[in-house]
């Protein structure tokens, strides 16, 4: 079992952590939706058309992920919370055993 840690936006950067179990092959978005994580809207269901599953990848994990492709890069321009260098769409992050413990921060808003 893989664990993904979701950190809420919180006040002054002090968010709460929700650890979610996931399976290899699932996207981070699918794991969040299945666990009812607040802050992942996933309006398009992972079809890369809405940017409502925006997350900020923790620096320790950023280089372990497959880089975003051109479609994800383009969609990141439409996030409600301004994108940062570590912004990703969680629907595009496919989990493997090597990503056990992945930590992502949720933006203040998806809309």
N, C-alpha and C. Protein backbone atom coordinates (compact mmCIF):
# COMPACT_ATOMS: atom_id res chain seq x y z
N UNK A 1 0.85 -1.18 0.00
CA UNK A 1 0.00 0.00 0.00
C UNK A 1 0.89 1.24 0.00
N UNK A 2 0.49 2.22 -0.77
CA UNK A 2 1.19 3.49 -0.88
C UNK A 2 0.43 4.52 -0.04
N UNK A 3 1.16 5.40 0.61
CA UNK A 3 0.53 6.48 1.36
C UNK A 3 0.86 7.80 0.70
N UNK A 4 -0.17 8.62 0.49
CA UNK A 4 0.01 9.98 -0.03
C UNK A 4 -0.42 10.93 1.08
N UNK A 5 0.39 11.94 1.31
CA UNK A 5 0.09 12.93 2.36
C UNK A 5 -0.38 14.22 1.71
N UNK A 6 -1.59 14.65 2.07
CA UNK A 6 -2.18 15.90 1.57
C UNK A 6 -2.13 16.91 2.70
N UNK A 7 -1.52 18.06 2.44
CA UNK A 7 -1.41 19.11 3.44
C UNK A 7 -2.36 20.24 3.03
N UNK A 8 -3.29 20.57 3.90
CA UNK A 8 -4.25 21.64 3.58
C UNK A 8 -3.52 22.98 3.55
N UNK A 9 -4.13 23.95 2.88
CA UNK A 9 -3.51 25.27 2.75
C UNK A 9 -3.28 25.90 4.11
N UNK A 10 -4.24 25.83 5.01
CA UNK A 10 -4.09 26.33 6.36
C UNK A 10 -3.80 27.81 6.45
N UNK A 11 -3.72 28.28 7.66
CA UNK A 11 -3.42 29.69 7.93
C UNK A 11 -1.92 29.81 8.16
N UNK A 12 -1.30 30.80 7.55
CA UNK A 12 0.14 31.02 7.69
C UNK A 12 0.96 29.79 7.31
N UNK A 13 0.45 29.01 6.35
CA UNK A 13 1.18 27.85 5.88
C UNK A 13 1.14 26.65 6.81
N UNK A 14 0.41 26.75 7.92
CA UNK A 14 0.32 25.66 8.89
C UNK A 14 -0.94 24.84 8.62
N UNK A 15 -0.90 23.98 7.63
CA UNK A 15 -2.06 23.18 7.30
C UNK A 15 -2.07 21.85 8.03
N UNK A 16 -3.20 21.19 7.97
CA UNK A 16 -3.31 19.86 8.56
C UNK A 16 -2.94 18.82 7.51
N UNK A 17 -2.48 17.68 7.98
CA UNK A 17 -2.05 16.61 7.09
C UNK A 17 -3.07 15.49 7.12
N UNK A 18 -3.46 15.03 5.93
CA UNK A 18 -4.33 13.87 5.81
C UNK A 18 -3.57 12.82 5.02
N UNK A 19 -3.29 11.68 5.66
CA UNK A 19 -2.61 10.58 4.99
C UNK A 19 -3.64 9.66 4.38
N UNK A 20 -3.44 9.34 3.10
CA UNK A 20 -4.43 8.58 2.33
C UNK A 20 -3.78 7.33 1.76
N UNK A 21 -4.40 6.17 1.93
CA UNK A 21 -3.87 4.96 1.31
C UNK A 21 -4.20 4.94 -0.18
N UNK A 22 -3.30 4.40 -0.96
CA UNK A 22 -3.51 4.34 -2.41
C UNK A 22 -2.85 3.08 -2.96
N UNK A 23 -3.15 2.81 -4.21
CA UNK A 23 -2.59 1.64 -4.88
C UNK A 23 -1.72 2.08 -6.05
N UNK A 24 -0.73 1.30 -6.36
CA UNK A 24 0.10 1.55 -7.54
C UNK A 24 -0.80 1.58 -8.76
N UNK A 25 -0.56 2.54 -9.64
CA UNK A 25 -1.36 2.69 -10.85
C UNK A 25 -2.47 3.71 -10.71
N UNK A 26 -2.85 4.04 -9.49
CA UNK A 26 -3.84 5.09 -9.25
C UNK A 26 -3.17 6.44 -9.43
N UNK A 27 -3.96 7.43 -9.80
CA UNK A 27 -3.42 8.79 -9.79
C UNK A 27 -3.60 9.36 -8.38
N UNK A 28 -2.84 10.39 -8.09
CA UNK A 28 -2.97 11.08 -6.80
C UNK A 28 -4.39 11.61 -6.67
N UNK A 29 -4.96 12.12 -7.77
CA UNK A 29 -6.33 12.62 -7.75
C UNK A 29 -7.32 11.51 -7.40
N UNK A 30 -7.18 10.34 -8.00
CA UNK A 30 -8.09 9.23 -7.71
C UNK A 30 -8.02 8.83 -6.24
N UNK A 31 -6.83 8.80 -5.69
CA UNK A 31 -6.67 8.47 -4.28
C UNK A 31 -7.34 9.52 -3.41
N UNK A 32 -7.20 10.79 -3.77
CA UNK A 32 -7.81 11.88 -3.00
C UNK A 32 -9.32 11.81 -3.04
N UNK A 33 -9.87 11.61 -4.21
CA UNK A 33 -11.33 11.53 -4.36
C UNK A 33 -11.89 10.34 -3.59
N UNK A 34 -11.23 9.20 -3.70
CA UNK A 34 -11.70 8.00 -3.00
C UNK A 34 -11.70 8.19 -1.49
N UNK A 35 -10.76 8.99 -0.99
CA UNK A 35 -10.65 9.23 0.45
C UNK A 35 -11.41 10.47 0.92
N UNK A 36 -12.04 11.18 -0.02
CA UNK A 36 -12.80 12.37 0.35
C UNK A 36 -11.96 13.54 0.79
N UNK A 37 -10.77 13.68 0.22
CA UNK A 37 -9.89 14.79 0.59
C UNK A 37 -10.55 16.11 0.16
N UNK A 38 -10.72 17.00 1.13
CA UNK A 38 -11.25 18.33 0.84
C UNK A 38 -10.16 19.14 0.13
N UNK A 39 -10.52 19.80 -0.96
CA UNK A 39 -9.55 20.62 -1.67
C UNK A 39 -9.15 20.06 -3.01
N UNK A 40 -9.59 18.86 -3.34
CA UNK A 40 -9.40 18.29 -4.68
C UNK A 40 -10.80 18.18 -5.28
N UNK A 41 -11.12 19.08 -6.20
CA UNK A 41 -12.45 19.08 -6.80
C UNK A 41 -12.56 18.03 -7.91
N UNK A 42 -11.56 17.94 -8.76
CA UNK A 42 -11.52 16.94 -9.84
C UNK A 42 -12.78 16.96 -10.70
N UNK A 43 -13.20 18.13 -11.10
CA UNK A 43 -14.44 18.28 -11.87
C UNK A 43 -14.48 17.45 -13.15
N UNK A 44 -13.35 17.32 -13.82
CA UNK A 44 -13.35 16.60 -15.10
C UNK A 44 -13.06 15.11 -14.94
N UNK A 45 -12.84 14.67 -13.71
CA UNK A 45 -12.61 13.25 -13.47
C UNK A 45 -11.27 12.75 -13.97
N UNK A 46 -10.34 13.63 -14.16
CA UNK A 46 -9.00 13.21 -14.58
C UNK A 46 -8.76 13.26 -16.08
N UNK A 47 -9.60 13.99 -16.79
CA UNK A 47 -9.48 14.06 -18.24
C UNK A 47 -8.57 15.21 -18.72
N UNK A 48 -7.94 15.90 -17.79
CA UNK A 48 -6.99 16.98 -18.10
C UNK A 48 -7.68 18.14 -18.83
N UNK A 49 -8.88 18.50 -18.31
CA UNK A 49 -9.61 19.61 -18.94
C UNK A 49 -10.11 20.65 -17.95
N UNK A 50 -9.72 20.57 -16.66
CA UNK A 50 -10.32 21.53 -15.73
C UNK A 50 -9.34 22.18 -14.75
N UNK A 51 -8.25 21.58 -14.42
CA UNK A 51 -7.25 22.11 -13.48
C UNK A 51 -7.77 22.26 -12.06
N UNK A 52 -8.81 21.50 -11.68
CA UNK A 52 -9.34 21.59 -10.31
C UNK A 52 -8.79 20.48 -9.40
N UNK A 53 -7.67 19.91 -9.81
CA UNK A 53 -6.96 18.94 -8.96
C UNK A 53 -5.52 19.42 -8.75
N UNK A 54 -5.33 20.71 -8.84
CA UNK A 54 -4.03 21.36 -8.69
C UNK A 54 -3.44 21.08 -7.31
N UNK A 55 -2.16 20.73 -7.28
CA UNK A 55 -1.44 20.55 -6.03
C UNK A 55 -0.04 21.15 -6.17
N UNK A 56 0.60 21.36 -5.03
CA UNK A 56 2.00 21.78 -5.00
C UNK A 56 2.80 20.62 -4.43
N UNK A 57 3.72 20.10 -5.21
CA UNK A 57 4.51 18.94 -4.80
C UNK A 57 5.62 19.39 -3.86
N UNK A 58 5.75 18.67 -2.74
CA UNK A 58 6.81 18.95 -1.78
C UNK A 58 8.16 18.82 -2.48
N UNK A 59 9.07 19.72 -2.12
CA UNK A 59 10.39 19.78 -2.77
C UNK A 59 11.12 18.45 -2.73
N UNK A 60 10.98 17.67 -1.68
CA UNK A 60 11.68 16.39 -1.56
C UNK A 60 11.21 15.38 -2.60
N UNK A 61 10.06 15.58 -3.18
CA UNK A 61 9.46 14.63 -4.12
C UNK A 61 9.48 15.11 -5.56
N UNK A 62 9.70 16.36 -5.76
CA UNK A 62 9.54 16.97 -7.09
C UNK A 62 10.35 16.27 -8.19
N UNK A 63 11.61 15.97 -7.92
CA UNK A 63 12.47 15.36 -8.94
C UNK A 63 12.23 13.86 -9.12
N UNK A 64 11.39 13.27 -8.30
CA UNK A 64 11.09 11.84 -8.41
C UNK A 64 9.92 11.57 -9.35
N UNK A 65 9.24 12.64 -9.75
CA UNK A 65 8.05 12.50 -10.60
C UNK A 65 8.40 12.63 -12.07
N UNK A 66 7.62 11.99 -12.91
CA UNK A 66 7.75 12.18 -14.35
C UNK A 66 7.41 13.64 -14.64
N UNK A 67 8.22 14.33 -15.43
CA UNK A 67 7.93 15.75 -15.70
C UNK A 67 6.58 15.93 -16.40
N UNK A 68 5.94 17.07 -16.19
CA UNK A 68 4.65 17.32 -16.85
C UNK A 68 4.84 17.43 -18.37
N UNK A 69 3.87 16.88 -19.10
CA UNK A 69 3.92 17.01 -20.56
C UNK A 69 3.34 18.36 -20.97
N UNK A 70 3.34 18.63 -22.26
CA UNK A 70 2.88 19.93 -22.78
C UNK A 70 1.41 20.20 -22.43
N UNK A 71 0.57 19.18 -22.47
CA UNK A 71 -0.85 19.38 -22.14
C UNK A 71 -1.03 19.78 -20.68
N UNK A 72 -0.32 19.12 -19.78
CA UNK A 72 -0.42 19.49 -18.37
C UNK A 72 0.15 20.89 -18.15
N UNK A 73 1.26 21.20 -18.77
CA UNK A 73 1.85 22.53 -18.65
C UNK A 73 0.84 23.60 -19.07
N UNK A 74 0.15 23.37 -20.17
CA UNK A 74 -0.85 24.33 -20.66
C UNK A 74 -2.01 24.48 -19.69
N UNK A 75 -2.50 23.36 -19.17
CA UNK A 75 -3.64 23.40 -18.26
C UNK A 75 -3.27 24.08 -16.94
N UNK A 76 -2.03 24.00 -16.52
CA UNK A 76 -1.60 24.66 -15.29
C UNK A 76 -1.73 26.18 -15.37
N UNK A 77 -1.83 26.71 -16.59
CA UNK A 77 -2.05 28.15 -16.76
C UNK A 77 -3.45 28.57 -16.33
N UNK A 78 -4.33 27.61 -16.11
CA UNK A 78 -5.73 27.90 -15.78
C UNK A 78 -6.09 27.59 -14.34
N UNK A 79 -5.12 27.40 -13.48
CA UNK A 79 -5.43 27.11 -12.08
C UNK A 79 -5.95 28.36 -11.38
N UNK A 80 -6.85 28.16 -10.43
CA UNK A 80 -7.44 29.29 -9.70
C UNK A 80 -6.41 29.96 -8.79
N UNK A 81 -5.61 29.15 -8.15
CA UNK A 81 -4.51 29.65 -7.33
C UNK A 81 -3.29 29.69 -8.25
N UNK A 82 -2.59 30.81 -8.29
CA UNK A 82 -1.47 30.92 -9.23
C UNK A 82 -0.50 29.75 -9.15
N UNK A 83 -0.07 29.30 -10.30
CA UNK A 83 0.85 28.18 -10.36
C UNK A 83 2.22 28.61 -9.85
N UNK A 84 2.94 27.62 -9.35
CA UNK A 84 4.30 27.82 -8.88
C UNK A 84 5.19 26.79 -9.57
N UNK A 85 6.47 26.85 -9.33
CA UNK A 85 7.40 25.92 -9.99
C UNK A 85 7.09 24.46 -9.65
N UNK A 86 6.49 24.22 -8.48
CA UNK A 86 6.17 22.86 -8.06
C UNK A 86 4.71 22.48 -8.28
N UNK A 87 3.99 23.27 -9.06
CA UNK A 87 2.58 22.98 -9.36
C UNK A 87 2.46 21.78 -10.28
N UNK A 88 1.49 20.93 -9.96
CA UNK A 88 1.15 19.79 -10.82
C UNK A 88 -0.35 19.56 -10.74
N UNK A 89 -0.87 18.86 -11.74
CA UNK A 89 -2.25 18.41 -11.69
C UNK A 89 -2.21 16.98 -11.16
N UNK A 90 -2.91 16.75 -10.06
CA UNK A 90 -2.81 15.45 -9.40
C UNK A 90 -3.36 14.31 -10.25
N UNK A 91 -4.18 14.61 -11.24
CA UNK A 91 -4.70 13.57 -12.13
C UNK A 91 -3.59 13.02 -13.02
N UNK A 92 -2.49 13.74 -13.14
CA UNK A 92 -1.39 13.32 -14.02
C UNK A 92 -0.26 12.66 -13.25
N UNK A 93 -0.40 12.55 -11.94
CA UNK A 93 0.63 11.93 -11.11
C UNK A 93 0.22 10.50 -10.80
N UNK A 94 0.79 9.56 -11.53
CA UNK A 94 0.47 8.14 -11.36
C UNK A 94 1.40 7.55 -10.30
N UNK A 95 0.79 6.90 -9.33
CA UNK A 95 1.54 6.39 -8.18
C UNK A 95 2.24 5.07 -8.48
N UNK A 96 3.44 4.97 -7.92
CA UNK A 96 4.22 3.73 -7.92
C UNK A 96 4.68 3.50 -6.49
N UNK A 97 5.19 2.31 -6.21
CA UNK A 97 5.70 2.01 -4.87
C UNK A 97 6.80 2.99 -4.47
N UNK A 98 7.56 3.48 -5.45
CA UNK A 98 8.65 4.42 -5.17
C UNK A 98 8.13 5.76 -4.67
N UNK A 99 6.84 6.02 -4.83
CA UNK A 99 6.26 7.29 -4.39
C UNK A 99 5.55 7.17 -3.04
N UNK A 100 5.78 6.07 -2.33
CA UNK A 100 5.19 5.91 -1.01
C UNK A 100 5.66 7.04 -0.11
N UNK A 101 4.72 7.78 0.46
CA UNK A 101 5.04 8.92 1.31
C UNK A 101 4.98 10.26 0.60
N UNK A 102 4.65 10.25 -0.69
CA UNK A 102 4.55 11.50 -1.47
C UNK A 102 3.72 12.53 -0.70
N UNK A 103 4.24 13.75 -0.64
CA UNK A 103 3.56 14.82 0.07
C UNK A 103 3.24 15.95 -0.90
N UNK A 104 1.98 16.36 -0.91
CA UNK A 104 1.54 17.47 -1.75
C UNK A 104 0.74 18.45 -0.89
N UNK A 105 0.87 19.72 -1.21
CA UNK A 105 0.11 20.75 -0.51
C UNK A 105 -1.05 21.18 -1.39
N UNK A 106 -2.19 21.37 -0.78
CA UNK A 106 -3.38 21.79 -1.50
C UNK A 106 -3.41 23.32 -1.61
N UNK A 107 -3.87 23.85 -2.74
CA UNK A 107 -3.99 25.29 -2.86
C UNK A 107 -5.16 25.80 -2.01
N UNK A 108 -5.19 27.10 -1.78
CA UNK A 108 -6.27 27.69 -0.99
C UNK A 108 -7.63 27.49 -1.66
N UNK A 109 -7.64 27.45 -3.00
CA UNK A 109 -8.89 27.28 -3.73
C UNK A 109 -8.64 26.61 -5.08
N UNK A 110 -9.61 25.84 -5.54
CA UNK A 110 -9.56 25.26 -6.88
C UNK A 110 -10.44 26.06 -7.84
N UNK A 111 -11.18 27.05 -7.33
CA UNK A 111 -12.08 27.85 -8.15
C UNK A 111 -11.78 29.31 -8.02
